[in-house]
């Protein structure tokens, strides 16, 4: 696989060329923050990661790595963080989402994936099967740290966003189907954003470096379908409670794409 360099074709604004690139490939990169903005964003993410589990409705998830338990995800934080709420729901982020959707957008959900050193990757999947209630939506990865091949950047299959592909029992793309796709690692510099269609196949490897690969992943839906963010989190928690979780993977999504090991495995997985 030949990586798409972090310096290749990054758009400053969601102009017609960027929208056409997105329509053709199912993904596009835009410049989002300058150096000062990256510093500010990293401070917000540090603050979020330091918040205790029990003091808020935000959701922390942890995985077991060879170096012990590590934070792997935080979500549902927008109601509890003024800076991140403004960043994700107003200004350039909302403008780009609206341009790519072709109509006004609204935030559907948000998460931070930390992918700290030793953190696990994600199996090949499409986001659409995990998102209830909406049919028109777009996701993105705002790089808090440089995302590289070594630390597990996203890999995408271009031009494959016209339909939901056959899935296995975890909701991921069937192995034989995924193996036949042409994958390209897309490196992203801190402060830039990789936007991708909810049906764009993507995956990522483990972080095999000594540095974190933190990123914010907001998803936006067309405002014409309604403001469904509260409905999404209500439904997710209900489905989590009913499912009981996987025996060998951390449950962080409504599909089983995350490959991280649980910190407290169910009894049948203990040795």
Foldseek 3Di string as FASTA:
>chain_A
DAAADQPPAEAAALDPVQLVQCVQWQKHKYFFDDPVRLVVVVVQVVVVLPDDQPPDPKDWAWFQFPVGIDTFKIWPCLVPGPVVVCSCADDRNQRNFCSNLVHGKGWQIKMKGWLAARFFKWAKAFQVVQFPQADGKKKKKQWSAKADQQQKAKKWQTRQQPDGADADPLRHHDPVVVVPTDIHGYIHHHRMMMMGGRRIIMMIGHNNDNGIGMIMMIMIGHCVSPRCNVVSVVVVVVVCVVPVDDQAATDDTPGRTTRGGHNDGDPVPDD
